[in-house]
Protein backbone atom coordinates (compact mmCIF):
# COMPACT_ATOMS: atom_id res chain seq x y z
CA UNK A 1 4.84 -1.73 11.99
CA UNK A 2 2.43 0.24 9.83
CA UNK A 3 0.60 3.22 11.33
CA UNK A 4 -2.11 5.58 10.09
CA UNK A 5 -0.58 8.52 8.21
CA UNK A 6 2.71 6.91 7.32
CA UNK A 7 3.88 7.38 3.77
CA UNK A 8 4.64 4.39 1.48
CA UNK A 9 5.66 3.59 -1.97
CA UNK A 10 4.58 0.60 -4.10
CA UNK A 11 7.12 -1.98 -4.74
CA UNK A 12 5.05 -4.52 -6.52
CA UNK A 13 1.42 -5.76 -6.52
CA UNK A 14 -0.17 -9.02 -7.62
CA UNK A 15 -3.22 -7.20 -8.90
CA UNK A 16 -3.21 -7.37 -12.70
CA UNK A 17 -6.04 -4.85 -13.08
CA UNK A 18 -4.66 -1.94 -11.16
CA UNK A 19 -3.25 1.31 -12.75
CA UNK A 20 -0.73 1.52 -9.88
CA UNK A 21 2.91 1.21 -10.75
CA UNK A 22 6.08 0.54 -8.76
CA UNK A 23 7.12 3.80 -7.11
CA UNK A 24 3.54 5.18 -6.80
CA UNK A 25 3.12 6.76 -3.34
CA UNK A 26 0.26 6.84 -0.91
CA UNK A 27 -0.69 7.43 2.78
CA UNK A 28 -1.78 4.57 5.05
CA UNK A 29 -5.37 4.78 6.20
CA UNK A 30 -5.16 1.59 8.42
CA UNK A 31 -3.39 -1.80 8.82
CA UNK A 32 -5.04 -5.14 9.70
CA UNK A 33 -2.22 -7.33 10.74
CA UNK A 34 -4.33 -10.47 11.10
CA UNK A 35 -5.30 -10.16 7.45
CA UNK A 36 -2.11 -8.67 6.26
CA UNK A 37 -4.18 -5.95 4.69
CA UNK A 38 -2.78 -2.36 4.32
CA UNK A 39 -5.47 0.20 3.39
CA UNK A 40 -3.99 2.98 1.37
CA UNK A 41 -5.05 6.46 -0.01
CA UNK A 42 -2.86 6.47 -3.08
CA UNK A 43 -1.81 9.96 -4.44
CA UNK A 44 -3.26 8.98 -7.88
CA UNK A 45 -6.86 8.77 -6.12
CA UNK A 46 -6.89 4.99 -5.98
CA UNK A 47 -7.91 3.40 -2.67
CA UNK A 48 -6.44 -0.11 -3.51
CA UNK A 49 -5.66 -2.10 -0.46
CA UNK A 50 -2.36 -3.99 -0.32
CA UNK A 51 -2.57 -7.70 0.58
CA UNK A 52 0.89 -8.16 1.96
CA UNK A 53 0.52 -11.92 2.61
CA UNK A 54 -0.63 -12.47 -1.04
CA UNK A 55 2.32 -10.92 -2.94
CA UNK A 56 1.92 -7.13 -2.65
CA UNK A 57 4.86 -5.25 -1.43
CA UNK A 58 5.44 -1.62 -0.25
CA UNK A 59 8.20 0.28 1.51
CA UNK A 60 8.02 2.99 4.03
CA UNK A 61 9.20 6.47 2.93
CA UNK A 62 11.36 8.53 5.22
CA UNK A 63 9.44 11.18 7.26
């Protein structure tokens, strides 16, 4: 479903300490389906991974 290089936007994150906000955009580095972990290079410079099985949510952006 998620592939390296795809663009995404943050919908929500369960991380209370991040500066990322809904709507922030980034580029997928990798996706580990067994962990539900999406590794992202956020445009803001953050490299926070999304834990999709633990409350984080993103949406794919159109090409």
